[in-house]
């Protein structure tokens, strides 16, 4: 056998072993967007468990759960014997993550900003951790194409609609300001976050609503199920807003609204559809 052929065969064998090892890993994914990307890459056969925020696709609801991403326990995660733990920066507590690392579990944080480029980075990071870089590149190309096919409504170019995202309607309502996934989603859709003067999530107050004067309220479908639509319009200060006067309410699946993941183009399209009758 020639030296070149020997090198070629050796590389092929190593590549095969690498691929086999990748698909032999027992993976636990923490965070709905991370889990969604694992499925997008076709690596769900490696998944042995996920957390309770992993609600898409439907198959993700049928696998074992190891708790909520912010309140994990070492015992819960280790009970499914993972080799690789993929998680978001929101996962914790830190003490638990350290315990998991000390047991030999490979812990990989999927960390990217809530931006359009951040979506691509998340896919790339998950793909690399799973040794599926080629599949990751193809997925990114598909997402980019979906973005390219979107068009901002003509009416929005005159004046973008002012949107207000309200979270936890069944408890203490909060609004999403700068640095949040809804804020990024609104900008990508061509809309304005009417509370972009605040950072992060803040308590919703009557004064804030009166100052914001939103054209539409955005909520999660899960939140709308827990609280009625009337509960939204009954919030103090809401009645005098353009959104309430027009009864203009947008509902999105929680992962679409808060995850800023691969289906963000679909979330933008849904916003456009639910505001198709809006005009400045």
C-alpha atoms as a PDB file:
ATOM      1  CA  UNK A   1       0.000   0.000   0.000  1.00  0.00           C
ATOM      2  CA  UNK A   2       1.383   3.413  -0.974  1.00  0.00           C
ATOM      3  CA  UNK A   3       2.050   6.009   1.702  1.00  0.00           C
ATOM      4  CA  UNK A   4      -0.659   8.357   0.311  1.00  0.00           C
ATOM      5  CA  UNK A   5      -3.214   5.562   0.242  1.00  0.00           C
ATOM      6  CA  UNK A   6      -2.284   4.546   3.789  1.00  0.00           C
ATOM      7  CA  UNK A   7      -2.795   8.116   5.009  1.00  0.00           C
ATOM      8  CA  UNK A   8      -6.141   8.288   3.210  1.00  0.00           C
ATOM      9  CA  UNK A   9      -7.383   5.025   4.709  1.00  0.00           C
ATOM     10  CA  UNK A  10      -6.204   6.074   8.170  1.00  0.00           C
ATOM     11  CA  UNK A  11      -8.088   9.392   7.912  1.00  0.00           C
ATOM     12  CA  UNK A  12     -11.233   7.580   6.745  1.00  0.00           C
ATOM     13  CA  UNK A  13     -11.059   5.182   9.698  1.00  0.00           C
ATOM     14  CA  UNK A  14     -10.495   8.011  12.172  1.00  0.00           C
ATOM     15  CA  UNK A  15     -13.395   9.950  10.661  1.00  0.00           C
ATOM     16  CA  UNK A  16     -15.620   6.911  10.973  1.00  0.00           C
ATOM     17  CA  UNK A  17     -14.615   6.419  14.591  1.00  0.00           C
ATOM     18  CA  UNK A  18     -15.237  10.102  15.332  1.00  0.00           C
ATOM     19  CA  UNK A  19     -18.692   9.918  13.787  1.00  0.00           C
ATOM     20  CA  UNK A  20     -19.474   6.709  15.650  1.00  0.00           C
ATOM     21  CA  UNK A  21     -18.362   8.255  18.932  1.00  0.00           C
ATOM     22  CA  UNK A  22     -20.517  11.318  18.280  1.00  0.00           C
ATOM     23  CA  UNK A  23     -23.658   9.295  17.781  1.00  0.00           C
ATOM     24  CA  UNK A  24     -22.824   6.999  20.690  1.00  0.00           C
ATOM     25  CA  UNK A  25     -22.835   9.904  23.157  1.00  0.00           C
ATOM     26  CA  UNK A  26     -25.585  10.166  25.724  1.00  0.00           C
ATOM     27  CA  UNK A  27     -26.639  13.801  25.548  1.00  0.00           C
ATOM     28  CA  UNK A  28     -28.744  15.887  27.917  1.00  0.00           C
ATOM     29  CA  UNK A  29     -29.885  19.249  26.559  1.00  0.00           C
ATOM     30  CA  UNK A  30     -30.821  22.084  28.870  1.00  0.00           C
ATOM     31  CA  UNK A  31     -32.779  24.999  27.401  1.00  0.00           C
ATOM     32  CA  UNK A  32     -35.584  24.906  24.842  1.00  0.00           C
ATOM     33  CA  UNK A  33     -33.554  26.495  22.050  1.00  0.00           C
ATOM     34  CA  UNK A  34     -30.627  24.111  22.573  1.00  0.00           C
ATOM     35  CA  UNK A  35     -32.939  21.104  22.421  1.00  0.00           C
ATOM     36  CA  UNK A  36     -34.666  22.459  19.320  1.00  0.00           C
ATOM     37  CA  UNK A  37     -31.298  22.787  17.576  1.00  0.00           C
ATOM     38  CA  UNK A  38     -30.336  19.218  18.505  1.00  0.00           C
ATOM     39  CA  UNK A  39     -33.506  18.007  16.774  1.00  0.00           C
ATOM     40  CA  UNK A  40     -32.891  20.323  13.826  1.00  0.00           C
ATOM     41  CA  UNK A  41     -29.491  18.693  13.321  1.00  0.00           C
ATOM     42  CA  UNK A  42     -31.043  15.222  13.382  1.00  0.00           C
ATOM     43  CA  UNK A  43     -29.163  14.254  16.526  1.00  0.00           C
ATOM     44  CA  UNK A  44     -32.186  13.473  18.684  1.00  0.00           C
ATOM     45  CA  UNK A  45     -31.212   9.793  18.873  1.00  0.00           C
ATOM     46  CA  UNK A  46     -28.357  10.898  21.095  1.00  0.00           C
ATOM     47  CA  UNK A  47     -30.702  12.666  23.522  1.00  0.00           C
ATOM     48  CA  UNK A  48     -31.490  10.812  26.715  1.00  0.00           C
ATOM     49  CA  UNK A  49     -33.178  13.701  28.547  1.00  0.00           C
ATOM     50  CA  UNK A  50     -33.879  17.436  28.479  1.00  0.00           C
ATOM     51  CA  UNK A  51     -35.238  20.089  30.823  1.00  0.00           C
ATOM     52  CA  UNK A  52     -38.835  21.267  31.223  1.00  0.00           C
ATOM     53  CA  UNK A  53     -38.323  24.319  29.001  1.00  0.00           C
ATOM     54  CA  UNK A  54     -37.674  21.984  26.057  1.00  0.00           C
ATOM     55  CA  UNK A  55     -41.140  21.953  24.516  1.00  0.00           C
ATOM     56  CA  UNK A  56     -40.354  21.781  20.795  1.00  0.00           C
ATOM     57  CA  UNK A  57     -40.681  19.652  18.791  1.00  0.00           C
ATOM     58  CA  UNK A  58     -43.461  17.512  20.260  1.00  0.00           C
ATOM     59  CA  UNK A  59     -41.044  14.585  20.603  1.00  0.00           C
ATOM     60  CA  UNK A  60     -39.093  16.619  23.131  1.00  0.00           C
ATOM     61  CA  UNK A  61     -42.054  16.441  25.509  1.00  0.00           C
ATOM     62  CA  UNK A  62     -41.962  12.649  25.456  1.00  0.00           C
ATOM     63  CA  UNK A  63     -38.439  12.206  26.788  1.00  0.00           C
ATOM     64  CA  UNK A  64     -37.302  12.162  30.438  1.00  0.00           C
ATOM     65  CA  UNK A  65     -36.975  15.569  32.103  1.00  0.00           C
ATOM     66  CA  UNK A  66     -34.239  16.491  34.565  1.00  0.00           C
ATOM     67  CA  UNK A  67     -35.940  19.576  36.011  1.00  0.00           C
ATOM     68  CA  UNK A  68     -35.978  23.252  35.089  1.00  0.00           C
ATOM     69  CA  UNK A  69     -32.799  24.776  33.672  1.00  0.00           C
ATOM     70  CA  UNK A  70     -32.295  27.325  36.478  1.00  0.00           C
ATOM     71  CA  UNK A  71     -32.877  24.831  39.295  1.00  0.00           C
ATOM     72  CA  UNK A  72     -31.061  21.681  38.224  1.00  0.00           C
ATOM     73  CA  UNK A  73     -29.887  19.018  40.653  1.00  0.00           C
ATOM     74  CA  UNK A  74     -26.795  16.869  40.142  1.00  0.00           C
ATOM     75  CA  UNK A  75     -28.758  13.749  41.103  1.00  0.00           C
ATOM     76  CA  UNK A  76     -31.466  14.429  38.521  1.00  0.00           C
ATOM     77  CA  UNK A  77     -29.017  14.942  35.662  1.00  0.00           C
ATOM     78  CA  UNK A  78     -26.761  12.032  36.626  1.00  0.00           C
ATOM     79  CA  UNK A  79     -29.732   9.671  36.866  1.00  0.00           C
ATOM     80  CA  UNK A  80     -29.766   9.415  33.045  1.00  0.00           C
ATOM     81  CA  UNK A  81     -25.987   8.786  32.837  1.00  0.00           C
ATOM     82  CA  UNK A  82     -25.046  11.597  30.432  1.00  0.00           C
ATOM     83  CA  UNK A  83     -21.717  11.894  28.654  1.00  0.00           C
ATOM     84  CA  UNK A  84     -22.407  15.358  27.249  1.00  0.00           C
ATOM     85  CA  UNK A  85     -24.442  18.155  28.809  1.00  0.00           C
ATOM     86  CA  UNK A  86     -25.442  21.000  26.474  1.00  0.00           C
ATOM     87  CA  UNK A  87     -26.852  24.024  28.283  1.00  0.00           C
ATOM     88  CA  UNK A  88     -27.550  27.737  28.105  1.00  0.00           C
ATOM     89  CA  UNK A  89     -25.886  30.398  30.285  1.00  0.00           C
ATOM     90  CA  UNK A  90     -29.158  30.547  32.242  1.00  0.00           C
ATOM     91  CA  UNK A  91     -28.637  27.006  33.539  1.00  0.00           C
ATOM     92  CA  UNK A  92     -27.677  26.472  37.132  1.00  0.00           C
ATOM     93  CA  UNK A  93     -27.073  26.648  40.006  1.00  0.00           C
ATOM     94  CA  UNK A  94     -23.323  27.068  39.419  1.00  0.00           C
ATOM     95  CA  UNK A  95     -22.568  24.667  42.286  1.00  0.00           C
ATOM     96  CA  UNK A  96     -24.521  21.903  40.554  1.00  0.00           C
ATOM     97  CA  UNK A  97     -22.759  22.479  37.245  1.00  0.00           C
ATOM     98  CA  UNK A  98     -19.408  22.246  39.000  1.00  0.00           C
ATOM     99  CA  UNK A  99     -20.451  18.973  40.626  1.00  0.00           C
ATOM    100  CA  UNK A 100     -21.394  17.573  37.232  1.00  0.00           C
ATOM    101  CA  UNK A 101     -18.046  18.576  35.746  1.00  0.00           C
ATOM    102  CA  UNK A 102     -16.250  16.865  38.631  1.00  0.00           C
ATOM    103  CA  UNK A 103     -18.013  13.596  37.810  1.00  0.00           C
ATOM    104  CA  UNK A 104     -16.525  13.671  34.302  1.00  0.00           C
ATOM    105  CA  UNK A 105     -19.565  14.865  32.370  1.00  0.00           C
ATOM    106  CA  UNK A 106     -18.556  17.054  29.423  1.00  0.00           C
ATOM    107  CA  UNK A 107     -20.421  20.323  30.089  1.00  0.00           C
ATOM    108  CA  UNK A 108     -20.703  22.673  27.098  1.00  0.00           C
ATOM    109  CA  UNK A 109     -22.351  26.102  27.355  1.00  0.00           C
ATOM    110  CA  UNK A 110     -24.097  27.340  24.217  1.00  0.00           C
ATOM    111  CA  UNK A 111     -23.536  31.051  24.613  1.00  0.00           C
ATOM    112  CA  UNK A 112     -24.442  33.634  21.977  1.00  0.00           C
ATOM    113  CA  UNK A 113     -26.136  37.049  22.061  1.00  0.00           C
ATOM    114  CA  UNK A 114     -29.802  37.550  21.261  1.00  0.00           C
ATOM    115  CA  UNK A 115     -29.144  38.755  17.725  1.00  0.00           C
ATOM    116  CA  UNK A 116     -29.586  37.403  14.218  1.00  0.00           C
ATOM    117  CA  UNK A 117     -25.916  36.384  14.144  1.00  0.00           C
ATOM    118  CA  UNK A 118     -26.381  34.914  17.602  1.00  0.00           C
ATOM    119  CA  UNK A 119     -28.938  32.477  16.181  1.00  0.00           C
ATOM    120  CA  UNK A 120     -26.373  31.214  13.680  1.00  0.00           C
ATOM    121  CA  UNK A 121     -23.736  31.009  16.410  1.00  0.00           C
ATOM    122  CA  UNK A 122     -25.997  28.889  18.616  1.00  0.00           C
ATOM    123  CA  UNK A 123     -26.563  26.403  15.801  1.00  0.00           C
ATOM    124  CA  UNK A 124     -22.845  26.306  15.036  1.00  0.00           C
ATOM    125  CA  UNK A 125     -21.894  25.731  18.671  1.00  0.00           C
ATOM    126  CA  UNK A 126     -24.372  22.879  19.157  1.00  0.00           C
ATOM    127  CA  UNK A 127     -23.312  21.290  15.862  1.00  0.00           C
ATOM    128  CA  UNK A 128     -19.642  21.476  16.831  1.00  0.00           C
ATOM    129  CA  UNK A 129     -20.291  19.932  20.249  1.00  0.00           C
ATOM    130  CA  UNK A 130     -22.066  17.035  18.540  1.00  0.00           C
ATOM    131  CA  UNK A 131     -19.407  16.657  15.832  1.00  0.00           C
ATOM    132  CA  UNK A 132     -21.990  17.637  13.203  1.00  0.00           C
ATOM    133  CA  UNK A 133     -20.381  20.712  11.692  1.00  0.00           C
ATOM    134  CA  UNK A 134     -21.531  19.951   8.139  1.00  0.00           C
ATOM    135  CA  UNK A 135     -25.147  19.555   9.245  1.00  0.00           C
ATOM    136  CA  UNK A 136     -24.765  22.777  11.222  1.00  0.00           C
ATOM    137  CA  UNK A 137     -23.616  24.726   8.174  1.00  0.00           C
ATOM    138  CA  UNK A 138     -26.563  23.422   6.152  1.00  0.00           C
ATOM    139  CA  UNK A 139     -28.999  24.370   8.920  1.00  0.00           C
ATOM    140  CA  UNK A 140     -27.528  27.875   9.094  1.00  0.00           C
ATOM    141  CA  UNK A 141     -27.874  28.260   5.319  1.00  0.00           C
ATOM    142  CA  UNK A 142     -31.537  27.229   5.566  1.00  0.00           C
ATOM    143  CA  UNK A 143     -32.212  29.737   8.355  1.00  0.00           C
ATOM    144  CA  UNK A 144     -30.477  32.512   6.400  1.00  0.00           C
ATOM    145  CA  UNK A 145     -32.646  31.737   3.393  1.00  0.00           C
ATOM    146  CA  UNK A 146     -35.775  31.911   5.566  1.00  0.00           C
ATOM    147  CA  UNK A 147     -34.670  35.357   6.772  1.00  0.00           C
ATOM    148  CA  UNK A 148     -34.014  36.482   3.197  1.00  0.00           C
ATOM    149  CA  UNK A 149     -37.550  35.521   2.188  1.00  0.00           C
ATOM    150  CA  UNK A 150     -39.087  37.840   4.787  1.00  0.00           C
ATOM    151  CA  UNK A 151     -40.303  41.309   3.862  1.00  0.00           C
ATOM    152  CA  UNK A 152     -41.208  44.146   6.209  1.00  0.00           C
ATOM    153  CA  UNK A 153     -44.785  45.341   5.471  1.00  0.00           C
ATOM    154  CA  UNK A 154     -44.886  48.586   3.494  1.00  0.00           C
ATOM    155  CA  UNK A 155     -47.006  50.338   6.148  1.00  0.00           C
ATOM    156  CA  UNK A 156     -44.357  49.600   8.756  1.00  0.00           C
ATOM    157  CA  UNK A 157     -41.741  51.516   6.768  1.00  0.00           C
ATOM    158  CA  UNK A 158     -43.678  54.752   7.387  1.00  0.00           C
ATOM    159  CA  UNK A 159     -43.844  54.125  11.122  1.00  0.00           C
ATOM    160  CA  UNK A 160     -43.069  50.785  12.751  1.00  0.00           C
ATOM    161  CA  UNK A 161     -45.731  49.530  15.163  1.00  0.00           C
ATOM    162  CA  UNK A 162     -44.877  49.941  18.849  1.00  0.00           C
ATOM    163  CA  UNK A 163     -44.989  46.545  20.549  1.00  0.00           C
ATOM    164  CA  UNK A 164     -45.016  45.667  24.239  1.00  0.00           C
ATOM    165  CA  UNK A 165     -44.148  42.166  25.409  1.00  0.00           C
ATOM    166  CA  UNK A 166     -45.882  41.195  28.654  1.00  0.00           C
ATOM    167  CA  UNK A 167     -44.685  38.156  30.607  1.00  0.00           C
ATOM    168  CA  UNK A 168     -46.200  36.288  33.586  1.00  0.00           C
ATOM    169  CA  UNK A 169     -49.727  37.537  33.154  1.00  0.00           C
ATOM    170  CA  UNK A 170     -50.954  35.062  35.733  1.00  0.00           C
ATOM    171  CA  UNK A 171     -48.570  36.423  38.373  1.00  0.00           C
ATOM    172  CA  UNK A 172     -46.672  39.707  38.588  1.00  0.00           C
ATOM    173  CA  UNK A 173     -46.631  41.001  34.983  1.00  0.00           C
ATOM    174  CA  UNK A 174     -43.282  42.038  33.545  1.00  0.00           C
ATOM    175  CA  UNK A 175     -42.234  43.765  30.340  1.00  0.00           C
ATOM    176  CA  UNK A 176     -39.212  43.030  28.152  1.00  0.00           C
ATOM    177  CA  UNK A 177     -36.737  45.846  27.535  1.00  0.00           C
ATOM    178  CA  UNK A 178     -33.278  46.036  25.958  1.00  0.00           C
ATOM    179  CA  UNK A 179     -31.146  42.915  25.876  1.00  0.00           C
ATOM    180  CA  UNK A 180     -34.082  40.500  25.846  1.00  0.00           C
ATOM    181  CA  UNK A 181     -35.129  38.027  23.172  1.00  0.00           C
ATOM    182  CA  UNK A 182     -38.475  39.800  22.527  1.00  0.00           C
ATOM    183  CA  UNK A 183     -36.610  43.080  22.024  1.00  0.00           C
ATOM    184  CA  UNK A 184     -34.373  41.453  19.395  1.00  0.00           C
ATOM    185  CA  UNK A 185     -37.367  39.738  17.799  1.00  0.00           C
ATOM    186  CA  UNK A 186     -39.272  43.016  17.445  1.00  0.00           C
ATOM    187  CA  UNK A 187     -36.336  44.738  15.768  1.00  0.00           C
ATOM    188  CA  UNK A 188     -35.812  41.838  13.374  1.00  0.00           C
ATOM    189  CA  UNK A 189     -39.509  42.023  12.491  1.00  0.00           C
ATOM    190  CA  UNK A 190     -39.213  45.735  11.701  1.00  0.00           C
ATOM    191  CA  UNK A 191     -41.197  46.831  14.758  1.00  0.00           C
ATOM    192  CA  UNK A 192     -40.302  49.016  17.761  1.00  0.00           C
ATOM    193  CA  UNK A 193     -40.014  47.846  21.336  1.00  0.00           C
ATOM    194  CA  UNK A 194     -41.941  50.556  23.124  1.00  0.00           C
ATOM    195  CA  UNK A 195     -40.017  50.018  26.371  1.00  0.00           C
ATOM    196  CA  UNK A 196     -36.529  49.948  24.860  1.00  0.00           C
ATOM    197  CA  UNK A 197     -35.557  52.626  27.384  1.00  0.00           C
ATOM    198  CA  UNK A 198     -35.315  49.950  30.090  1.00  0.00           C
ATOM    199  CA  UNK A 199     -32.912  47.021  30.334  1.00  0.00           C
ATOM    200  CA  UNK A 200     -33.934  43.433  30.850  1.00  0.00           C
ATOM    201  CA  UNK A 201     -37.262  42.442  32.383  1.00  0.00           C
ATOM    202  CA  UNK A 202     -38.989  44.937  34.659  1.00  0.00           C
ATOM    203  CA  UNK A 203     -42.248  44.974  36.593  1.00  0.00           C
ATOM    204  CA  UNK A 204     -45.171  46.320  34.614  1.00  0.00           C
ATOM    205  CA  UNK A 205     -46.637  49.478  36.155  1.00  0.00           C
ATOM    206  CA  UNK A 206     -49.591  51.673  35.116  1.00  0.00           C
ATOM    207  CA  UNK A 207     -47.152  54.542  34.598  1.00  0.00           C
ATOM    208  CA  UNK A 208     -45.027  52.438  32.245  1.00  0.00           C
ATOM    209  CA  UNK A 209     -48.070  51.473  30.177  1.00  0.00           C
ATOM    210  CA  UNK A 210     -49.245  55.079  29.908  1.00  0.00           C
ATOM    211  CA  UNK A 211     -45.793  56.186  28.752  1.00  0.00           C
ATOM    212  CA  UNK A 212     -45.347  53.278  26.355  1.00  0.00           C
ATOM    213  CA  UNK A 213     -48.647  53.666  24.473  1.00  0.00           C
ATOM    214  CA  UNK A 214     -48.194  50.366  22.592  1.00  0.00           C
ATOM    215  CA  UNK A 215     -49.983  49.688  19.317  1.00  0.00           C
ATOM    216  CA  UNK A 216     -50.137  45.981  20.172  1.00  0.00           C
ATOM    217  CA  UNK A 217     -49.484  43.693  23.117  1.00  0.00           C
ATOM    218  CA  UNK A 218     -47.413  40.540  22.620  1.00  0.00           C
ATOM    219  CA  UNK A 219     -47.820  37.566  24.954  1.00  0.00           C
ATOM    220  CA  UNK A 220     -47.021  33.861  24.947  1.00  0.00           C
ATOM    221  CA  UNK A 221     -49.729  31.375  24.074  1.00  0.00           C
ATOM    222  CA  UNK A 222     -48.970  29.555  27.317  1.00  0.00           C
ATOM    223  CA  UNK A 223     -49.476  32.767  29.292  1.00  0.00           C
ATOM    224  CA  UNK A 224     -52.714  33.464  27.478  1.00  0.00           C
ATOM    225  CA  UNK A 225     -53.944  30.000  28.448  1.00  0.00           C
ATOM    226  CA  UNK A 226     -53.273  30.706  32.135  1.00  0.00           C
ATOM    227  CA  UNK A 227     -54.858  34.175  32.048  1.00  0.00           C
ATOM    228  CA  UNK A 228     -57.712  35.352  29.870  1.00  0.00           C
ATOM    229  CA  UNK A 229     -57.404  38.018  27.191  1.00  0.00           C
ATOM    230  CA  UNK A 230     -59.663  40.197  29.297  1.00  0.00           C
ATOM    231  CA  UNK A 231     -57.096  40.034  32.100  1.00  0.00           C
ATOM    232  CA  UNK A 232     -54.631  41.780  29.800  1.00  0.00           C
ATOM    233  CA  UNK A 233     -56.989  44.599  28.846  1.00  0.00           C
ATOM    234  CA  UNK A 234     -57.934  44.998  32.500  1.00  0.00           C
ATOM    235  CA  UNK A 235     -54.398  45.805  33.607  1.00  0.00           C
ATOM    236  CA  UNK A 236     -54.230  49.282  35.211  1.00  0.00           C
ATOM    237  CA  UNK A 237     -53.449  51.913  32.591  1.00  0.00           C
ATOM    238  CA  UNK A 238     -54.007  49.562  29.636  1.00  0.00           C
ATOM    239  CA  UNK A 239     -57.455  50.868  28.609  1.00  0.00           C
ATOM    240  CA  UNK A 240     -56.076  54.160  27.286  1.00  0.00           C
ATOM    241  CA  UNK A 241     -53.517  52.578  24.947  1.00  0.00           C
ATOM    242  CA  UNK A 242     -53.942  52.185  21.165  1.00  0.00           C
ATOM    243  CA  UNK A 243     -53.521  48.431  21.655  1.00  0.00           C
ATOM    244  CA  UNK A 244     -56.503  48.183  24.014  1.00  0.00           C
ATOM    245  CA  UNK A 245     -58.702  50.460  21.940  1.00  0.00           C
ATOM    246  CA  UNK A 246     -58.122  48.257  18.901  1.00  0.00           C
ATOM    247  CA  UNK A 247     -58.021  45.035  20.968  1.00  0.00           C
ATOM    248  CA  UNK A 248     -54.780  44.240  19.164  1.00  0.00           C
ATOM    249  CA  UNK A 249     -53.134  41.200  20.781  1.00  0.00           C
ATOM    250  CA  UNK A 250     -50.367  39.002  19.372  1.00  0.00           C
ATOM    251  CA  UNK A 251     -49.748  35.561  20.855  1.00  0.00           C
ATOM    252  CA  UNK A 252     -46.700  33.424  20.138  1.00  0.00           C
ATOM    253  CA  UNK A 253     -45.504  30.069  21.389  1.00  0.00           C
ATOM    254  CA  UNK A 254     -43.228  30.698  24.375  1.00  0.00           C
ATOM    255  CA  UNK A 255     -40.161  29.255  22.669  1.00  0.00           C
ATOM    256  CA  UNK A 256     -40.774  31.366  19.565  1.00  0.00           C
ATOM    257  CA  UNK A 257     -41.132  34.515  21.652  1.00  0.00           C
ATOM    258  CA  UNK A 258     -38.360  33.891  24.178  1.00  0.00           C
ATOM    259  CA  UNK A 259     -35.934  31.467  22.546  1.00  0.00           C
ATOM    260  CA  UNK A 260     -34.651  33.424  19.526  1.00  0.00           C
ATOM    261  CA  UNK A 261     -33.756  30.149  17.894  1.00  0.00           C
ATOM    262  CA  UNK A 262     -33.888  28.550  14.431  1.00  0.00           C
ATOM    263  CA  UNK A 263     -37.600  29.310  13.968  1.00  0.00           C
ATOM    264  CA  UNK A 264     -37.211  33.060  14.477  1.00  0.00           C
ATOM    265  CA  UNK A 265     -38.153  33.744  10.817  1.00  0.00           C
ATOM    266  CA  UNK A 266     -41.412  31.889  11.511  1.00  0.00           C
ATOM    267  CA  UNK A 267     -42.000  34.029  14.612  1.00  0.00           C
ATOM    268  CA  UNK A 268     -41.474  37.190  12.550  1.00  0.00           C
ATOM    269  CA  UNK A 269     -43.908  35.958   9.912  1.00  0.00           C
ATOM    270  CA  UNK A 270     -46.526  35.300  12.593  1.00  0.00           C
ATOM    271  CA  UNK A 271     -46.104  38.840  13.949  1.00  0.00           C
ATOM    272  CA  UNK A 272     -46.560  40.255  10.458  1.00  0.00           C
ATOM    273  CA  UNK A 273     -49.655  38.121   9.919  1.00  0.00           C
ATOM    274  CA  UNK A 274     -51.270  39.071  13.223  1.00  0.00           C
ATOM    275  CA  UNK A 275     -50.646  42.769  12.507  1.00  0.00           C
ATOM    276  CA  UNK A 276     -51.611  42.745   8.831  1.00  0.00           C
ATOM    277  CA  UNK A 277     -54.434  45.231   9.449  1.00  0.00           C
ATOM    278  CA  UNK A 278     -52.247  47.701  11.339  1.00  0.00           C
ATOM    279  CA  UNK A 279     -51.464  51.084   9.774  1.00  0.00           C
ATOM    280  CA  UNK A 280     -49.850  54.211  11.265  1.00  0.00           C
END
